[in-house]
N, C-alpha and C. Protein backbone atom coordinates (compact mmCIF):
# COMPACT_ATOMS: atom_id res chain seq x y z
N MET A 1 17.94 2.06 -16.65
CA MET A 1 16.55 2.03 -17.08
C MET A 1 15.83 0.82 -16.49
N ALA A 2 16.51 -0.34 -16.44
CA ALA A 2 15.89 -1.54 -15.90
C ALA A 2 15.57 -1.36 -14.42
N LEU A 3 16.41 -0.63 -13.70
CA LEU A 3 16.17 -0.39 -12.29
C LEU A 3 14.89 0.40 -12.08
N HIS A 4 14.69 1.44 -12.88
CA HIS A 4 13.47 2.23 -12.76
C HIS A 4 12.24 1.40 -13.12
N SER A 5 12.36 0.54 -14.12
CA SER A 5 11.27 -0.32 -14.51
C SER A 5 10.94 -1.31 -13.39
N GLU A 6 11.97 -1.86 -12.76
CA GLU A 6 11.78 -2.79 -11.65
C GLU A 6 11.11 -2.09 -10.47
N THR A 7 11.54 -0.88 -10.17
CA THR A 7 10.94 -0.10 -9.08
C THR A 7 9.48 0.19 -9.38
N ARG A 8 9.18 0.57 -10.61
CA ARG A 8 7.79 0.84 -10.99
C ARG A 8 6.94 -0.42 -10.84
N ASP A 9 7.48 -1.56 -11.24
CA ASP A 9 6.75 -2.82 -11.12
C ASP A 9 6.50 -3.16 -9.65
N GLU A 10 7.51 -2.95 -8.81
CA GLU A 10 7.36 -3.22 -7.37
C GLU A 10 6.32 -2.29 -6.77
N ASP A 11 6.36 -1.02 -7.13
CA ASP A 11 5.39 -0.06 -6.60
C ASP A 11 3.98 -0.37 -7.11
N ALA A 12 3.86 -0.85 -8.33
CA ALA A 12 2.55 -1.23 -8.86
C ALA A 12 1.99 -2.40 -8.04
N ARG A 13 2.82 -3.37 -7.72
CA ARG A 13 2.41 -4.50 -6.90
C ARG A 13 2.03 -4.03 -5.50
N ARG A 14 2.82 -3.12 -4.95
CA ARG A 14 2.54 -2.58 -3.61
C ARG A 14 1.21 -1.83 -3.59
N TYR A 15 0.89 -1.15 -4.68
CA TYR A 15 -0.40 -0.46 -4.75
C TYR A 15 -1.54 -1.46 -4.60
N GLN A 16 -1.45 -2.56 -5.32
CA GLN A 16 -2.49 -3.59 -5.24
C GLN A 16 -2.58 -4.14 -3.82
N LEU A 17 -1.44 -4.43 -3.21
CA LEU A 17 -1.43 -5.00 -1.86
C LEU A 17 -2.00 -4.03 -0.82
N LEU A 18 -1.52 -2.79 -0.85
CA LEU A 18 -1.95 -1.82 0.15
C LEU A 18 -3.42 -1.46 -0.02
N SER A 19 -3.87 -1.26 -1.25
CA SER A 19 -5.27 -0.89 -1.45
C SER A 19 -6.19 -2.05 -1.05
N ALA A 20 -5.79 -3.28 -1.34
CA ALA A 20 -6.61 -4.43 -0.94
C ALA A 20 -6.64 -4.56 0.58
N TYR A 21 -5.51 -4.34 1.24
CA TYR A 21 -5.47 -4.40 2.71
C TYR A 21 -6.39 -3.33 3.31
N LEU A 22 -6.31 -2.13 2.78
CA LEU A 22 -7.16 -1.05 3.28
C LEU A 22 -8.64 -1.38 3.08
N LEU A 23 -8.96 -1.97 1.97
CA LEU A 23 -10.34 -2.37 1.68
C LEU A 23 -10.80 -3.44 2.67
N LEU A 24 -10.01 -4.46 2.84
CA LEU A 24 -10.41 -5.58 3.70
C LEU A 24 -10.50 -5.19 5.17
N THR A 25 -9.74 -4.20 5.60
CA THR A 25 -9.76 -3.78 7.00
C THR A 25 -10.75 -2.65 7.26
N GLY A 26 -11.36 -2.12 6.21
CA GLY A 26 -12.31 -1.02 6.37
C GLY A 26 -11.64 0.34 6.45
N LEU A 27 -10.33 0.39 6.36
CA LEU A 27 -9.62 1.67 6.43
C LEU A 27 -9.75 2.47 5.14
N MET A 28 -10.09 1.83 4.04
CA MET A 28 -10.18 2.52 2.76
C MET A 28 -11.26 3.60 2.77
N ARG A 29 -12.28 3.43 3.59
CA ARG A 29 -13.36 4.44 3.61
C ARG A 29 -12.85 5.79 4.08
N ARG A 30 -11.69 5.84 4.73
CA ARG A 30 -11.11 7.10 5.18
C ARG A 30 -10.19 7.73 4.14
N VAL A 31 -9.89 7.01 3.08
CA VAL A 31 -8.97 7.50 2.04
C VAL A 31 -9.74 8.39 1.07
N ARG A 32 -9.23 9.59 0.88
CA ARG A 32 -9.81 10.54 -0.08
C ARG A 32 -8.68 11.06 -0.96
N MET A 33 -8.63 10.59 -2.18
CA MET A 33 -7.64 11.07 -3.12
C MET A 33 -8.15 10.85 -4.52
N THR A 34 -7.74 11.72 -5.42
CA THR A 34 -8.12 11.62 -6.81
C THR A 34 -6.86 11.70 -7.65
N LEU A 35 -6.74 10.79 -8.57
CA LEU A 35 -5.60 10.76 -9.47
C LEU A 35 -6.10 10.77 -10.90
N PRO A 36 -5.28 11.25 -11.82
CA PRO A 36 -5.69 11.20 -13.23
C PRO A 36 -5.89 9.75 -13.66
N PRO A 37 -6.83 9.50 -14.56
CA PRO A 37 -7.10 8.13 -15.00
C PRO A 37 -5.89 7.44 -15.61
N ASP A 38 -4.97 8.22 -16.17
CA ASP A 38 -3.80 7.62 -16.81
C ASP A 38 -2.60 7.51 -15.87
N ALA A 39 -2.80 7.74 -14.57
CA ALA A 39 -1.71 7.63 -13.61
C ALA A 39 -1.24 6.18 -13.53
N SER A 40 0.05 6.01 -13.47
CA SER A 40 0.60 4.65 -13.37
C SER A 40 0.30 4.08 -12.00
N ALA A 41 0.33 2.76 -11.91
CA ALA A 41 0.10 2.10 -10.62
C ALA A 41 1.21 2.47 -9.63
N ALA A 42 2.41 2.71 -10.13
CA ALA A 42 3.50 3.12 -9.24
C ALA A 42 3.22 4.49 -8.63
N LEU A 43 2.72 5.41 -9.44
CA LEU A 43 2.34 6.73 -8.93
C LEU A 43 1.17 6.61 -7.95
N ARG A 44 0.23 5.75 -8.25
CA ARG A 44 -0.90 5.52 -7.35
C ARG A 44 -0.42 5.00 -6.00
N TYR A 45 0.55 4.08 -6.01
CA TYR A 45 1.07 3.56 -4.75
C TYR A 45 1.68 4.69 -3.91
N ARG A 46 2.54 5.48 -4.53
CA ARG A 46 3.20 6.56 -3.78
C ARG A 46 2.17 7.56 -3.23
N ALA A 47 1.15 7.87 -4.02
CA ALA A 47 0.10 8.79 -3.56
C ALA A 47 -0.70 8.16 -2.42
N LEU A 48 -1.05 6.88 -2.55
CA LEU A 48 -1.80 6.19 -1.51
C LEU A 48 -0.98 6.08 -0.23
N ARG A 49 0.28 5.71 -0.36
CA ARG A 49 1.18 5.61 0.80
C ARG A 49 1.25 6.95 1.52
N ASP A 50 1.48 8.01 0.76
CA ASP A 50 1.59 9.34 1.36
C ASP A 50 0.27 9.76 2.02
N CYS A 51 -0.85 9.44 1.39
CA CYS A 51 -2.16 9.79 1.91
C CYS A 51 -2.43 9.09 3.24
N VAL A 52 -2.20 7.79 3.31
CA VAL A 52 -2.51 7.07 4.55
C VAL A 52 -1.58 7.47 5.68
N LEU A 53 -0.34 7.80 5.35
CA LEU A 53 0.60 8.20 6.41
C LEU A 53 0.35 9.64 6.86
N SER A 54 0.15 10.55 5.93
CA SER A 54 -0.01 11.96 6.30
C SER A 54 -1.34 12.24 6.98
N ASN A 55 -2.36 11.43 6.71
CA ASN A 55 -3.67 11.62 7.32
C ASN A 55 -3.90 10.76 8.56
N GLY A 56 -2.88 10.04 8.98
CA GLY A 56 -2.99 9.23 10.19
C GLY A 56 -3.84 7.99 10.04
N ILE A 57 -4.13 7.59 8.81
CA ILE A 57 -4.90 6.37 8.59
C ILE A 57 -4.07 5.16 8.98
N MET A 58 -2.78 5.23 8.70
CA MET A 58 -1.82 4.20 9.11
C MET A 58 -0.57 4.88 9.63
N ARG A 59 0.23 4.13 10.39
CA ARG A 59 1.48 4.67 10.93
C ARG A 59 2.62 3.71 10.63
N HIS A 60 3.79 4.29 10.35
CA HIS A 60 4.99 3.50 10.16
C HIS A 60 5.68 3.37 11.52
N MET A 61 5.98 2.14 11.91
CA MET A 61 6.57 1.86 13.21
C MET A 61 7.86 1.07 13.05
N GLU A 62 8.77 1.25 14.00
CA GLU A 62 9.98 0.43 14.03
C GLU A 62 9.60 -1.00 14.42
N LEU A 63 10.39 -1.95 13.99
CA LEU A 63 10.16 -3.33 14.39
C LEU A 63 10.35 -3.47 15.90
N PRO A 64 9.49 -4.20 16.57
CA PRO A 64 9.68 -4.42 18.01
C PRO A 64 10.96 -5.22 18.27
N ALA A 65 11.49 -5.07 19.46
CA ALA A 65 12.70 -5.82 19.83
C ALA A 65 12.45 -7.31 19.64
N GLY A 66 13.41 -7.97 19.06
CA GLY A 66 13.31 -9.41 18.84
C GLY A 66 12.67 -9.80 17.52
N GLU A 67 12.04 -8.85 16.84
CA GLU A 67 11.42 -9.14 15.54
C GLU A 67 12.40 -8.78 14.44
N ASN A 68 12.47 -9.63 13.42
CA ASN A 68 13.37 -9.31 12.31
C ASN A 68 12.65 -9.31 10.96
N MET A 69 11.36 -9.65 10.97
CA MET A 69 10.59 -9.67 9.73
C MET A 69 9.54 -8.57 9.78
N PRO A 70 9.44 -7.75 8.73
CA PRO A 70 8.40 -6.71 8.68
C PRO A 70 7.01 -7.33 8.66
N PHE A 71 6.03 -6.57 9.15
CA PHE A 71 4.66 -7.05 9.17
C PHE A 71 3.70 -5.88 9.33
N VAL A 72 2.42 -6.16 9.14
CA VAL A 72 1.37 -5.15 9.27
C VAL A 72 0.34 -5.69 10.25
N VAL A 73 -0.04 -4.85 11.21
CA VAL A 73 -1.10 -5.21 12.17
C VAL A 73 -2.01 -4.00 12.29
N GLY A 74 -3.27 -4.19 11.95
CA GLY A 74 -4.23 -3.09 12.07
C GLY A 74 -3.79 -1.88 11.28
N LYS A 75 -3.56 -0.78 11.99
CA LYS A 75 -3.18 0.48 11.35
C LYS A 75 -1.68 0.73 11.39
N GLU A 76 -0.89 -0.26 11.83
CA GLU A 76 0.55 -0.07 11.95
C GLU A 76 1.32 -0.88 10.91
N LEU A 77 2.27 -0.20 10.29
CA LEU A 77 3.18 -0.81 9.32
C LEU A 77 4.53 -0.95 10.03
N TYR A 78 4.93 -2.17 10.36
CA TYR A 78 6.17 -2.41 11.07
C TYR A 78 7.27 -2.83 10.10
N GLY A 79 8.37 -2.10 10.09
CA GLY A 79 9.50 -2.44 9.24
C GLY A 79 10.48 -1.29 9.17
N GLU A 80 11.66 -1.57 8.64
CA GLU A 80 12.64 -0.50 8.47
C GLU A 80 12.10 0.59 7.56
N ARG A 81 11.43 0.14 6.50
CA ARG A 81 10.79 1.06 5.55
C ARG A 81 9.33 0.68 5.42
N VAL A 82 8.52 1.64 5.03
CA VAL A 82 7.10 1.36 4.78
C VAL A 82 6.97 0.26 3.73
N GLU A 83 7.80 0.33 2.71
CA GLU A 83 7.74 -0.66 1.63
C GLU A 83 7.98 -2.07 2.12
N ASP A 84 8.87 -2.24 3.11
CA ASP A 84 9.12 -3.57 3.66
C ASP A 84 7.84 -4.13 4.29
N ALA A 85 7.14 -3.29 5.04
CA ALA A 85 5.90 -3.73 5.68
C ALA A 85 4.83 -4.05 4.63
N VAL A 86 4.70 -3.19 3.63
CA VAL A 86 3.70 -3.44 2.58
C VAL A 86 4.04 -4.73 1.84
N ASP A 87 5.32 -4.97 1.59
CA ASP A 87 5.72 -6.20 0.91
C ASP A 87 5.32 -7.44 1.72
N SER A 88 5.28 -7.31 3.04
CA SER A 88 4.91 -8.45 3.88
C SER A 88 3.46 -8.88 3.65
N LEU A 89 2.65 -7.99 3.08
CA LEU A 89 1.26 -8.33 2.79
C LEU A 89 1.14 -9.37 1.69
N GLU A 90 2.22 -9.60 0.97
CA GLU A 90 2.22 -10.60 -0.10
C GLU A 90 1.81 -11.96 0.44
N ALA A 91 2.06 -12.20 1.72
CA ALA A 91 1.70 -13.48 2.34
C ALA A 91 0.20 -13.71 2.31
N TRP A 92 -0.59 -12.65 2.23
CA TRP A 92 -2.03 -12.80 2.12
C TRP A 92 -2.32 -13.10 0.66
N SER A 93 -2.28 -14.35 0.29
CA SER A 93 -2.24 -14.77 -1.11
C SER A 93 -3.34 -14.18 -1.99
N ASP A 94 -4.54 -13.96 -1.49
CA ASP A 94 -5.59 -13.45 -2.36
C ASP A 94 -5.85 -11.97 -2.17
N LEU A 95 -4.95 -11.25 -1.51
CA LEU A 95 -5.15 -9.84 -1.23
C LEU A 95 -5.25 -9.01 -2.51
N HIS A 96 -4.41 -9.31 -3.50
CA HIS A 96 -4.39 -8.47 -4.70
C HIS A 96 -5.64 -8.63 -5.56
N PHE A 97 -6.47 -9.60 -5.28
CA PHE A 97 -7.70 -9.76 -6.05
C PHE A 97 -8.87 -9.00 -5.44
N ALA A 98 -8.70 -8.46 -4.23
CA ALA A 98 -9.83 -7.90 -3.50
C ALA A 98 -10.19 -6.47 -3.89
N ALA A 99 -9.26 -5.70 -4.42
CA ALA A 99 -9.52 -4.30 -4.71
C ALA A 99 -10.40 -4.17 -5.96
N PRO A 100 -11.48 -3.38 -5.87
CA PRO A 100 -12.34 -3.16 -7.04
C PRO A 100 -11.59 -2.46 -8.17
N GLN A 101 -12.02 -2.66 -9.38
CA GLN A 101 -11.37 -2.06 -10.54
C GLN A 101 -11.30 -0.55 -10.44
N SER A 102 -12.33 0.09 -9.90
CA SER A 102 -12.31 1.56 -9.81
C SER A 102 -11.16 2.04 -8.95
N TRP A 103 -10.81 1.27 -7.89
CA TRP A 103 -9.69 1.68 -7.04
C TRP A 103 -8.37 1.43 -7.75
N ARG A 104 -8.33 0.40 -8.56
CA ARG A 104 -7.12 0.14 -9.34
C ARG A 104 -6.92 1.24 -10.37
N ASP A 105 -8.03 1.91 -10.75
CA ASP A 105 -7.96 2.99 -11.73
C ASP A 105 -7.73 4.34 -11.08
N GLY A 106 -7.55 4.37 -9.77
CA GLY A 106 -7.22 5.62 -9.08
C GLY A 106 -8.40 6.39 -8.56
N ARG A 107 -9.61 5.84 -8.63
CA ARG A 107 -10.79 6.55 -8.12
C ARG A 107 -11.18 5.96 -6.78
N MET A 108 -10.96 6.75 -5.73
CA MET A 108 -11.29 6.28 -4.38
C MET A 108 -12.13 7.33 -3.70
N GLY A 109 -13.07 6.86 -2.89
CA GLY A 109 -13.86 7.77 -2.07
C GLY A 109 -14.91 8.53 -2.81
């Protein structure tokens, strides 16, 4: 049970990071998704991740040769997993404060 709770907490944090990044880069204007108001932040993250990847808003890329740390540049998420790249956004210390409350509530576009 603790593992699922930890995963939900990580996905909730990733939702804040990814949505703030999309907002700051202007990519959020291409996101069109609607979630129930009571959707958890973890569910919102998975829906947002799937939306940006399936609609070509962002792409998951392998790390370039010689790189060992995941990162995000423009529309590319570099890392073994998408989550690794999104986690690298944590370095942008004020990123999680940038997303408007309506986006945190699942209303985008």
